[in-house]
Structure formats: C-alpha cells, structure tokens
C-alpha cells in the first residue's frame, strides 16, 4: 500500500482521486502496488466535494500532510509559489517523493527544488507542469537524455490556440474570440497570464532547463502575447499560406566561445506545411529538433482536469515503484548558461504599416530598409481611402528576409520618423523553412 498525501483538491485533485479509483486494480496488477489517498489538504474542510473520500481525511493544515510520517508520497496540485514551495521542500526533506503540476513554481525555483530532491535521494516528478496530459517531460528527460537537442518549440497554451483558431476559422476578432473562450471555460475572467504569454513562458523555462541541462527561469524568457494580433494579420497570414500561432521556443547556439541559450514566447506566422500549423482549438503540441534524432512532435490535450490528472497519476506510479525499489530519477546538475540577447537573434518578420497613399512613399520606405541592411521578401499595398477621400491612406504589409532583431528595430525606429508613415502596426516573426 502506497499512502498518498494530496495538497489541493480542485479540478485536477478531484480528477486524480477519481482516476485512481478507476485504475487502482490495473495499477496493482501491473506493479503489485495499491494507491490510497490518505490525507488531503484544502482551504475549506467544510466544503462538500463530489469524491468518495472520508471527510476525516481532509485537513486545512497542509504542512501536517507534507510531513506526516504515515504518508509515503506527496502530490501538490494547489498551485502558486507560496506555500507550495515550502511544502514541497518540507516533504522532500522528510524523504518523501513529490509529484507536482506547478509550472509557475518550477519555472521560478526549479533548480532549488531539483537540488533538494537530489540531496534527499527521492523523486521530484512534474510531467503535468508543461503540457497537461501530453507525455513529454519523461521522454525529454529519459529517452532524449543523450540527444543533442538543438531546439524545442511548441504551442503550450490551449487558451491562446483556441482564440487564434476562432479568429482564423470563424472570422472573429480578438475580443470576440476571447469572450467565447471565457464563456467555454478555456480562459479565466482575468486572462492575462494566458494571452500575454506568461503561462507559456513558465513552461518553456522548464523545458529549456531539462532539454539543455541549464539553469533557466521564467525571468530569462522574452515574452510577447497575442492581444495585439488583428483580423488583418490573420487575413494576411491566410492569403500567404500561414497560420498565426503563439510559439514558445528554446534553442541552443554553440560556437567556439561556448554555448548560449535563447528562450522566448511570441506570436509567429507558421507555414501551413509545418506540423504546428495544423494544431487547432485548445490542443497543444511540442516540436523537438535534435542533431541525431531529427524532428519529433508530441500532440494532445494540454490542459483540463482528466488529461492533467492522467499525467500526475503516471508520475505517481513511477514514484511509488521507485520508492519500493529504493531508486529515484535523477535530473543531474543544472549549470549556468549564457542567455543570448534577443537583439542578436535573426528572424524573418511580417510588418504592417499605415502610410500616405501617394507617389514616392514606397521608394522612401524601401530606402530605409536598404540603409539598415534589411531585405524585403514580399510586399502588399492596400488603399484605405476612396477616390474622394481626403485622407489618402494606405496599408502596406510586407515580409522581410531573416535579419538581426537589432537591425529590424532600428529600421522600425527610422520608419517611425518618416513623414509619410502614419503608424507602425503589427510586427510578428515568421517561421521559415530554415527553422525546421
């Protein structure tokens, strides 16, 4: 019998209890172990809960659960930084394996927690922290342990992917798609963490740490969300064979001076030929590129009570088996690694400008690009005024060849002071075939 202490019993915790009840016979047949939820820490013990656990198992004293000598394994699904950090450290110090789905905590304090688990000689497992029910962390830390991973990129937030799908397929603008996502429960009342990319940034920080064995926190991740993506941007992407996706990207650069990392979250025009372009609605997908293995993709439900509980239960079974055999899954040492500044990264870009609709404007704009060594790949011009409209305004949409971000920013600054440029609209990176 493996006695489990559960910290938190919200959507994921309740789903985990139900899933253990359904699968315990199978787990016992395959491993010889039986799982029992012995104690559950919650904020309000008086609240009725639709799970088949005796009310005597509930307590508001989470630390008592984390350090209870009768508890074998601790599962943390309460979320937040504190007190989750203190509870996990206490459980590890007491020699208890810990399973967590807490991406924000791992992204901020992962190195400390991994070191504590290593010192205690017990598991700290976190499959559910990055891609919900998608089995990705375990393949990354085990099957790909010796693989020279070059880049990991993916759609790691189902809310933003649902919004962009609705904008692309349903013709909704951003505010309409967001309201629909909130009505369906995909987006919170305050959707900032999702739509501004902070949720995906925490996940890619964890992924970068595991993929490259480096100390990476969410503060190392350059972050840009989707709240500025417009219907015009979506229409341009569709006309030119792209889908706009919020991508989380971590990559390694190696040269004679050593290794550097980049970790970022940003909207991107993804060619329809790329597998990530076909990921729709609230689904997630993670695309791994290795020097030896080539391209791999992991796809599935990235959130939700049942998918996340499935990942937690998989970790729980692993931890229970390891506990019985006196083993644990070591992550090894994480080393400091330089973060390459974003200005030194090269990318293709889609840019949108509002300009005077008169002769000579295109030539002056092209001249600015040439002065900064930025090459234009393609360009469209759309008049925004009728023949009798005194405004004489046009929109220019263009894609530039890959260029250093510092050169692109300098070009935009120079365009911003041209009398003929009324405003600079969207600036969105473009995933090119060379990025595959």
Protein backbone atom coordinates (compact mmCIF):
# COMPACT_ATOMS: atom_id res chain seq x y z
CA UNK A 1 0.00 0.00 0.00
CA UNK A 2 1.34 3.44 -1.02
CA UNK A 3 -0.26 6.16 1.08
CA UNK A 4 -0.64 9.45 -0.77
CA UNK A 5 -0.93 12.93 0.70
CA UNK A 6 -2.74 15.31 -1.64
CA UNK A 7 -2.13 19.07 -1.41
CA UNK A 8 -5.11 20.71 -3.11
CA UNK A 9 -8.38 19.22 -4.29
CA UNK A 10 -9.62 21.47 -7.05
CA UNK A 11 -10.27 20.39 -10.64
CA UNK A 12 -7.06 18.39 -11.03
CA UNK A 13 -7.06 16.97 -7.50
CA UNK A 14 -10.65 15.74 -7.75
CA UNK A 15 -9.95 14.23 -11.18
CA UNK A 16 -6.89 12.46 -9.77
CA UNK A 17 -8.91 10.91 -6.93
CA UNK A 18 -11.49 9.61 -9.41
CA UNK A 19 -8.83 8.31 -11.80
CA UNK A 20 -7.02 6.42 -9.04
CA UNK A 21 -10.32 4.83 -8.04
CA UNK A 22 -10.90 3.66 -11.62
CA UNK A 23 -7.35 2.49 -12.31
CA UNK A 24 -6.16 1.12 -8.97
CA UNK A 25 -6.89 -2.51 -9.84
CA UNK A 26 -4.92 -2.19 -13.08
CA UNK A 27 -2.04 -0.46 -11.28
CA UNK A 28 -1.94 -3.20 -8.66
CA UNK A 29 -1.99 -5.96 -11.28
CA UNK A 30 0.90 -4.40 -13.18
CA UNK A 31 3.08 -3.16 -10.31
CA UNK A 32 1.98 -5.00 -7.19
CA UNK A 33 1.26 -1.65 -5.56
CA UNK A 34 -2.03 -0.16 -4.41
CA UNK A 35 -2.51 3.60 -4.11
CA UNK A 36 -4.52 5.14 -1.28
CA UNK A 37 -5.33 8.83 -0.86
CA UNK A 38 -4.83 9.01 2.90
CA UNK A 39 -4.89 12.74 3.62
CA UNK A 40 -5.98 15.81 1.63
CA UNK A 41 -5.12 19.41 2.45
CA UNK A 42 -7.71 22.00 1.39
CA UNK A 43 -8.52 25.58 2.33
CA UNK A 44 -12.09 24.86 3.43
CA UNK A 45 -12.72 21.46 5.04
CA UNK A 46 -16.45 22.16 5.34
CA UNK A 47 -17.00 22.37 1.61
CA UNK A 48 -18.84 19.42 0.07
CA UNK A 49 -16.77 17.57 -2.56
CA UNK A 50 -18.04 15.03 -5.12
CA UNK A 51 -15.33 12.46 -4.39
CA UNK A 52 -15.53 9.22 -2.45
CA UNK A 53 -13.08 10.12 0.33
CA UNK A 54 -13.97 10.03 4.04
CA UNK A 55 -14.34 13.57 5.41
CA UNK A 56 -11.89 12.68 8.19
CA UNK A 57 -9.10 12.63 5.59
CA UNK A 58 -9.46 16.37 4.92
CA UNK A 59 -7.45 18.97 6.80
CA UNK A 60 -6.61 22.64 6.42
CA UNK A 61 -3.06 22.01 7.74
CA UNK A 62 -1.09 21.41 4.55
CA UNK A 63 2.27 21.21 6.32
CA UNK A 64 0.95 18.40 8.51
CA UNK A 65 0.18 16.43 5.33
CA UNK A 66 3.56 17.20 3.75
CA UNK A 67 5.48 15.97 6.81
CA UNK A 68 3.15 13.21 8.05
CA UNK A 69 5.35 10.13 8.75
CA UNK A 70 2.49 7.89 7.63
CA UNK A 71 2.41 9.47 4.15
CA UNK A 72 4.64 7.84 1.54
CA UNK A 73 4.26 10.19 -1.46
CA UNK A 74 3.07 13.81 -1.68
CA UNK A 75 1.14 15.20 -4.67
CA UNK A 76 0.98 19.01 -4.96
CA UNK A 77 -1.79 20.40 -7.18
CA UNK A 78 -2.62 23.55 -5.21
CA UNK A 79 -0.67 25.92 -7.47
CA UNK A 80 1.05 29.21 -6.69
CA UNK A 81 4.55 29.87 -5.38
CA UNK A 82 3.90 30.01 -1.66
CA UNK A 83 3.17 27.95 0.40
CA UNK A 84 3.68 25.29 -2.32
CA UNK A 85 7.46 25.85 -2.34
CA UNK A 86 7.78 25.47 1.43
CA UNK A 87 5.52 22.41 1.47
CA UNK A 88 7.45 20.63 -1.29
CA UNK A 89 10.81 21.39 0.35
CA UNK A 90 9.48 20.05 3.66
CA UNK A 91 8.19 16.86 2.02
CA UNK A 92 11.49 16.27 0.23
CA UNK A 93 13.47 16.91 3.43
CA UNK A 94 11.28 14.28 5.11
CA UNK A 95 12.32 11.77 2.42
CA UNK A 96 9.02 11.77 0.53
CA UNK A 97 8.85 11.72 -3.28
CA UNK A 98 6.83 14.66 -4.63
CA UNK A 99 4.71 14.97 -7.77
CA UNK A 100 3.72 18.48 -8.82
CA UNK A 101 1.88 20.16 -11.69
CA UNK A 102 3.05 23.61 -10.58
CA UNK A 103 4.66 25.26 -13.62
CA UNK A 104 4.98 28.71 -12.04
CA UNK A 105 6.86 27.32 -9.06
CA UNK A 106 9.21 25.15 -11.14
CA UNK A 107 9.92 27.99 -13.55
CA UNK A 108 10.90 30.28 -10.67
CA UNK A 109 12.56 27.85 -8.23
CA UNK A 110 13.19 24.68 -10.21
CA UNK A 111 16.94 24.50 -9.54
CA UNK A 112 16.42 24.76 -5.78
CA UNK A 113 13.72 22.07 -5.77
CA UNK A 114 15.64 19.70 -8.03
CA UNK A 115 18.72 20.05 -5.81
CA UNK A 116 16.63 19.33 -2.71
CA UNK A 117 15.21 16.18 -4.29
CA UNK A 118 18.70 15.04 -5.29
CA UNK A 119 20.04 15.66 -1.79
CA UNK A 120 17.17 13.65 -0.28
CA UNK A 121 17.55 10.86 -2.84
CA UNK A 122 13.86 10.90 -3.81
CA UNK A 123 11.83 11.73 -6.89
CA UNK A 124 10.53 15.15 -7.86
CA UNK A 125 8.33 14.49 -10.91
CA UNK A 126 6.41 17.11 -12.87
CA UNK A 127 5.05 15.69 -16.13
CA UNK A 128 1.81 17.68 -15.84
CA UNK A 129 3.57 21.04 -15.42
CA UNK A 130 4.26 21.71 -19.11
CA UNK A 131 1.77 20.12 -21.47
CA UNK A 132 -1.07 18.73 -19.36
CA UNK A 133 -1.81 15.18 -20.43
CA UNK A 134 0.86 15.02 -23.15
CA UNK A 135 3.68 12.66 -22.10
CA UNK A 136 6.56 14.97 -22.95
CA UNK A 137 8.77 15.65 -19.92
CA UNK A 138 9.55 11.97 -19.33
CA UNK A 139 10.69 11.36 -22.94
CA UNK A 140 12.72 14.59 -22.77
CA UNK A 141 14.49 13.70 -19.51
CA UNK A 142 14.88 9.96 -20.23
CA UNK A 143 14.61 8.92 -23.88
CA UNK A 144 16.31 12.10 -25.14
CA UNK A 145 18.79 12.42 -22.27
CA UNK A 146 21.81 11.86 -24.53
CA UNK A 147 20.29 13.53 -27.61
CA UNK A 148 21.98 16.80 -28.66
CA UNK A 149 18.74 18.81 -28.71
CA UNK A 150 19.00 21.95 -30.82
CA UNK A 151 15.55 23.47 -30.48
CA UNK A 152 12.25 22.86 -28.72
CA UNK A 153 9.26 24.88 -29.84
CA UNK A 154 5.59 24.42 -29.41
CA UNK A 155 2.07 25.53 -28.75
CA UNK A 156 1.97 25.28 -24.98
CA UNK A 157 -1.16 27.24 -24.12
CA UNK A 158 -4.57 25.95 -25.15
CA UNK A 159 -6.41 29.21 -24.44
CA UNK A 160 -4.41 31.25 -26.93
CA UNK A 161 -4.51 28.49 -29.51
CA UNK A 162 -8.30 28.34 -29.22
CA UNK A 163 -8.56 32.13 -29.64
CA UNK A 164 -6.30 32.15 -32.71
CA UNK A 165 -8.20 29.21 -34.20
CA UNK A 166 -11.51 31.04 -33.82
CA UNK A 167 -10.01 34.16 -35.40
CA UNK A 168 -8.68 32.11 -38.31
CA UNK A 169 -11.60 29.78 -38.96
CA UNK A 170 -14.55 31.76 -37.65
CA UNK A 171 -13.58 35.27 -38.69
CA UNK A 172 -13.86 36.57 -35.12
CA UNK A 173 -11.76 39.48 -33.96
CA UNK A 174 -9.58 39.12 -30.87
CA UNK A 175 -12.10 40.43 -28.33
CA UNK A 176 -14.89 38.21 -29.69
CA UNK A 177 -12.71 35.09 -29.65
CA UNK A 178 -11.54 35.85 -26.12
CA UNK A 179 -15.12 36.28 -24.88
CA UNK A 180 -16.04 32.93 -26.43
CA UNK A 181 -13.04 31.25 -24.78
CA UNK A 182 -14.11 32.69 -21.42
CA UNK A 183 -17.71 31.52 -21.91
CA UNK A 184 -16.46 27.98 -22.60
CA UNK A 185 -14.17 27.97 -19.58
CA UNK A 186 -10.94 27.95 -21.61
CA UNK A 187 -9.96 31.43 -20.42
CA UNK A 188 -10.09 32.90 -16.93
CA UNK A 189 -12.00 36.06 -16.07
CA UNK A 190 -8.55 37.69 -15.98
CA UNK A 191 -6.86 36.06 -18.98
CA UNK A 192 -3.59 37.99 -18.70
CA UNK A 193 -1.37 35.02 -17.83
CA UNK A 194 -2.54 33.17 -20.94
CA UNK A 195 -2.97 35.87 -23.59
CA UNK A 196 0.20 37.80 -22.70
CA UNK A 197 2.29 34.61 -22.84
CA UNK A 198 3.29 34.30 -19.16
CA UNK A 199 1.86 30.78 -18.83
CA UNK A 200 3.78 29.58 -21.89
CA UNK A 201 6.91 31.39 -20.66
CA UNK A 202 6.91 29.39 -17.41
CA UNK A 203 6.55 26.16 -19.38
CA UNK A 204 9.36 26.89 -21.84
CA UNK A 205 11.66 27.81 -18.94
CA UNK A 206 11.10 24.32 -17.50
CA UNK A 207 11.58 22.71 -20.92
CA UNK A 208 14.82 24.62 -21.57
CA UNK A 209 16.19 23.53 -18.20
CA UNK A 210 15.55 19.85 -18.94
CA UNK A 211 16.49 19.92 -22.64
CA UNK A 212 19.81 21.70 -22.14
CA UNK A 213 20.69 20.93 -18.51
CA UNK A 214 20.79 24.64 -17.80
CA UNK A 215 19.57 26.96 -15.08
CA UNK A 216 16.68 28.75 -16.80
CA UNK A 217 13.91 30.65 -15.03
CA UNK A 218 10.85 32.45 -16.33
CA UNK A 219 12.71 35.76 -15.93
CA UNK A 220 15.09 34.60 -18.70
CA UNK A 221 12.23 34.25 -21.19
CA UNK A 222 11.38 37.13 -23.53
CA UNK A 223 7.60 37.22 -23.60
CA UNK A 224 5.03 38.64 -26.03
CA UNK A 225 1.36 37.66 -26.17
CA UNK A 226 -1.43 37.67 -28.76
CA UNK A 227 -3.55 40.61 -27.60
CA UNK A 228 -2.27 42.80 -30.46
CA UNK A 229 -2.97 40.27 -33.23
CA UNK A 230 -5.65 41.71 -35.55
CA UNK A 231 -8.11 40.34 -38.06
CA UNK A 232 -5.98 41.96 -40.79
CA UNK A 233 -2.95 39.99 -39.60
CA UNK A 234 -4.95 36.75 -39.69
CA UNK A 235 -6.22 37.54 -43.20
CA UNK A 236 -2.70 38.30 -44.45
CA UNK A 237 -1.41 35.03 -42.99
CA UNK A 238 -4.20 33.02 -44.65
CA UNK A 239 -3.61 34.65 -48.06
CA UNK A 240 0.05 33.74 -47.94
CA UNK A 241 -0.16 30.19 -46.61
CA UNK A 242 0.49 30.77 -42.92
CA UNK A 243 -1.29 30.22 -39.61
CA UNK A 244 -0.59 32.55 -36.68
CA UNK A 245 0.33 30.62 -33.52
CA UNK A 246 1.71 31.60 -30.13
CA UNK A 247 5.00 29.69 -30.01
CA UNK A 248 7.22 29.01 -27.03
CA UNK A 249 10.78 28.44 -28.29
CA UNK A 250 14.01 27.37 -26.60
CA UNK A 251 17.17 26.82 -28.61
CA UNK A 252 20.86 26.26 -28.11
CA UNK A 253 23.63 28.05 -30.01
CA UNK A 254 27.13 26.58 -29.98
CA UNK A 255 30.33 28.14 -31.29
CA UNK A 256 33.99 28.49 -30.33
CA UNK A 257 33.03 30.72 -27.41
CA UNK A 258 30.79 28.05 -25.87
CA UNK A 259 27.03 27.54 -25.62
CA UNK A 260 24.29 30.12 -25.36
CA UNK A 261 20.54 29.71 -24.97
CA UNK A 262 17.53 31.63 -26.12
CA UNK A 263 14.07 31.20 -24.61
CA UNK A 264 11.12 33.24 -25.82
CA UNK A 265 7.36 33.30 -26.35
CA UNK A 266 5.86 35.22 -29.24
CA UNK A 267 3.20 35.08 -31.98
CA UNK A 268 4.57 33.64 -35.19
CA UNK A 269 3.43 33.14 -38.77
CA UNK A 270 3.84 29.38 -39.20
CA UNK A 271 3.85 27.94 -42.75
CA UNK A 272 0.88 25.66 -43.40
CA UNK A 273 3.40 22.97 -44.39
CA UNK A 274 4.70 22.83 -40.79
CA UNK A 275 3.02 20.32 -38.42
CA UNK A 276 2.42 23.02 -35.78
CA UNK A 277 0.19 24.98 -38.20
CA UNK A 278 -2.42 22.20 -38.07
CA UNK A 279 -2.77 22.22 -34.26
CA UNK A 280 -6.27 23.59 -33.63
CA UNK A 281 -8.56 24.70 -30.83
CA UNK A 282 -7.29 24.04 -27.29
CA UNK A 283 -4.81 21.33 -28.27
CA UNK A 284 -1.09 21.65 -27.53
CA UNK A 285 1.91 20.33 -29.44
CA UNK A 286 5.65 20.34 -28.78
CA UNK A 287 8.14 20.04 -31.63
CA UNK A 288 11.67 18.82 -30.79
CA UNK A 289 14.65 19.09 -33.14
CA UNK A 290 17.75 17.05 -32.38
CA UNK A 291 21.01 16.61 -34.23
CA UNK A 292 20.72 12.81 -34.24
CA UNK A 293 17.01 12.06 -33.99
CA UNK A 294 15.78 14.79 -36.34
CA UNK A 295 12.23 16.08 -35.82
CA UNK A 296 9.76 14.78 -33.21
CA UNK A 297 6.32 16.09 -32.28
CA UNK A 298 4.19 15.43 -29.19
CA UNK A 299 0.50 16.32 -29.50
CA UNK A 300 -2.58 16.19 -27.30
CA UNK A 301 -4.73 17.90 -24.70
CA UNK A 302 -2.60 20.43 -22.89
CA UNK A 303 -4.97 21.17 -20.02
CA UNK A 304 -8.14 20.05 -18.28
CA UNK A 305 -8.79 18.01 -15.16
CA UNK A 306 -8.71 14.50 -16.63
CA UNK A 307 -5.71 14.91 -19.01
CA UNK A 308 -3.66 16.63 -16.29
CA UNK A 309 -4.66 14.03 -13.71
CA UNK A 310 -3.52 11.32 -16.15
CA UNK A 311 -0.03 12.83 -16.25
CA UNK A 312 0.03 13.22 -12.46
CA UNK A 313 -1.01 9.60 -11.98
CA UNK A 314 1.70 8.38 -14.34
CA UNK A 315 4.28 10.23 -12.22
CA UNK A 316 2.69 8.89 -9.03
CA UNK A 317 3.02 5.29 -10.19
CA UNK A 318 6.65 5.89 -11.22
CA UNK A 319 7.45 7.45 -7.85
CA UNK A 320 5.75 4.60 -5.99
CA UNK A 321 7.67 1.95 -7.92
CA UNK A 322 10.96 3.79 -7.38
CA UNK A 323 10.21 4.23 -3.68
CA UNK A 324 9.68 0.49 -3.25
CA UNK A 325 12.92 -0.32 -5.07
CA UNK A 326 14.98 2.35 -3.29
CA UNK A 327 15.68 4.26 -6.51
CA UNK A 328 14.90 7.72 -7.80
CA UNK A 329 15.01 9.54 -11.14
CA UNK A 330 17.95 11.92 -11.05
CA UNK A 331 17.98 15.06 -13.18
CA UNK A 332 21.69 15.63 -12.63
CA UNK A 333 23.28 19.03 -12.18
CA UNK A 334 21.98 22.18 -13.85
CA UNK A 335 24.70 24.58 -14.96
CA UNK A 336 24.57 28.32 -15.57
CA UNK A 337 24.44 29.11 -19.29
CA UNK A 338 24.52 32.47 -21.02
CA UNK A 339 21.26 33.76 -22.47
CA UNK A 340 21.71 35.23 -25.94
CA UNK A 341 20.18 38.74 -26.10
CA UNK A 342 17.14 38.95 -28.35
CA UNK A 343 18.76 41.68 -30.44
CA UNK A 344 21.34 39.11 -31.56
CA UNK A 345 18.71 36.68 -32.86
CA UNK A 346 17.88 36.55 -36.57
CA UNK A 347 14.33 36.06 -37.80
CA UNK A 348 12.05 36.81 -40.71
CA UNK A 349 9.26 39.27 -39.85
CA UNK A 350 5.82 40.30 -41.03
CA UNK A 351 5.34 44.05 -40.68
CA UNK A 352 2.28 46.24 -41.23
CA UNK A 353 2.43 50.00 -41.83
CA UNK A 354 -0.15 52.77 -42.31
CA UNK A 355 1.21 55.33 -44.79
CA UNK A 356 0.26 58.23 -47.03
CA UNK A 357 -1.29 56.96 -50.25
CA UNK A 358 0.80 58.98 -52.72
CA UNK A 359 3.68 58.57 -55.12
CA UNK A 360 7.18 58.21 -53.76
CA UNK A 361 6.17 56.61 -50.47
CA UNK A 362 7.18 53.07 -51.40
CA UNK A 363 10.58 54.28 -52.60
CA UNK A 364 11.28 56.12 -49.34
CA UNK A 365 10.24 53.12 -47.26
CA UNK A 366 12.36 50.73 -49.33
CA UNK A 367 15.26 53.13 -48.91
CA UNK A 368 15.03 52.91 -45.12
CA UNK A 369 15.14 49.11 -45.26
CA UNK A 370 18.17 49.26 -47.54
CA UNK A 371 20.01 51.70 -45.26
CA UNK A 372 19.75 49.23 -42.40
CA UNK A 373 20.67 46.14 -44.42
CA UNK A 374 17.20 44.60 -44.15
CA UNK A 375 15.91 42.89 -47.28
CA UNK A 376 12.22 42.83 -48.27
CA UNK A 377 10.91 39.44 -49.38
CA UNK A 378 7.37 40.44 -50.41
CA UNK A 379 5.07 43.44 -50.14
CA UNK A 380 1.36 44.27 -50.50
CA UNK A 381 -0.28 47.68 -50.60
CA UNK A 382 -3.99 48.25 -49.91
CA UNK A 383 -5.65 51.64 -50.29
CA UNK A 384 -7.78 52.52 -47.27
CA UNK A 385 -9.50 55.51 -48.82
CA UNK A 386 -11.92 56.03 -51.69
CA UNK A 387 -11.33 58.30 -54.70
CA UNK A 388 -12.97 61.26 -52.95
CA UNK A 389 -11.45 60.64 -49.52
CA UNK A 390 -9.03 63.38 -48.48
CA UNK A 391 -7.28 61.05 -46.02
CA UNK A 392 -5.39 59.25 -48.82
CA UNK A 393 -4.21 56.45 -46.54
CA UNK A 394 -2.84 53.01 -47.43
CA UNK A 395 -1.75 49.91 -45.55
CA UNK A 396 1.50 48.22 -46.53
CA UNK A 397 2.01 44.62 -45.42
CA UNK A 398 5.39 43.06 -46.01
CA UNK A 399 7.61 40.14 -45.08
CA UNK A 400 11.33 40.65 -44.68
CA UNK A 401 14.11 38.10 -45.07
CA UNK A 402 15.78 36.90 -41.85
CA UNK A 403 17.61 39.75 -40.17
CA UNK A 404 19.01 40.50 -36.74
CA UNK A 405 16.35 41.82 -34.42
CA UNK A 406 18.54 44.83 -33.64
CA UNK A 407 18.53 45.77 -37.35
CA UNK A 408 14.77 45.28 -37.58
CA UNK A 409 14.20 47.50 -34.53
CA UNK A 410 16.48 50.19 -35.98
CA UNK A 411 14.56 50.02 -39.26
CA UNK A 412 11.22 50.44 -37.47
CA UNK A 413 12.59 53.40 -35.49
CA UNK A 414 13.70 55.06 -38.72
CA UNK A 415 10.35 54.38 -40.39
CA UNK A 416 8.58 55.90 -37.41
CA UNK A 417 10.06 59.34 -38.09
CA UNK A 418 9.22 59.41 -41.80
CA UNK A 419 6.51 61.99 -42.56
CA UNK A 420 4.83 59.53 -44.92
CA UNK A 421 4.46 56.78 -42.26
CA UNK A 422 1.40 57.43 -40.13
CA UNK A 423 1.73 54.43 -37.82
CA UNK A 424 3.52 51.12 -37.44
CA UNK A 425 1.11 48.29 -36.73
CA UNK A 426 1.85 44.61 -36.27
CA UNK A 427 5.37 43.21 -36.06
CA UNK A 428 5.21 39.41 -35.97
CA UNK A 429 8.01 36.90 -36.53
CA UNK A 430 7.79 34.40 -39.40
CA UNK A 431 8.88 30.78 -39.09
CA UNK A 432 10.84 29.93 -42.25
CA UNK A 433 11.81 26.53 -43.62
CA UNK A 434 15.36 27.01 -42.34
CA UNK A 435 13.91 26.86 -38.82
CA UNK A 436 12.85 23.24 -39.30
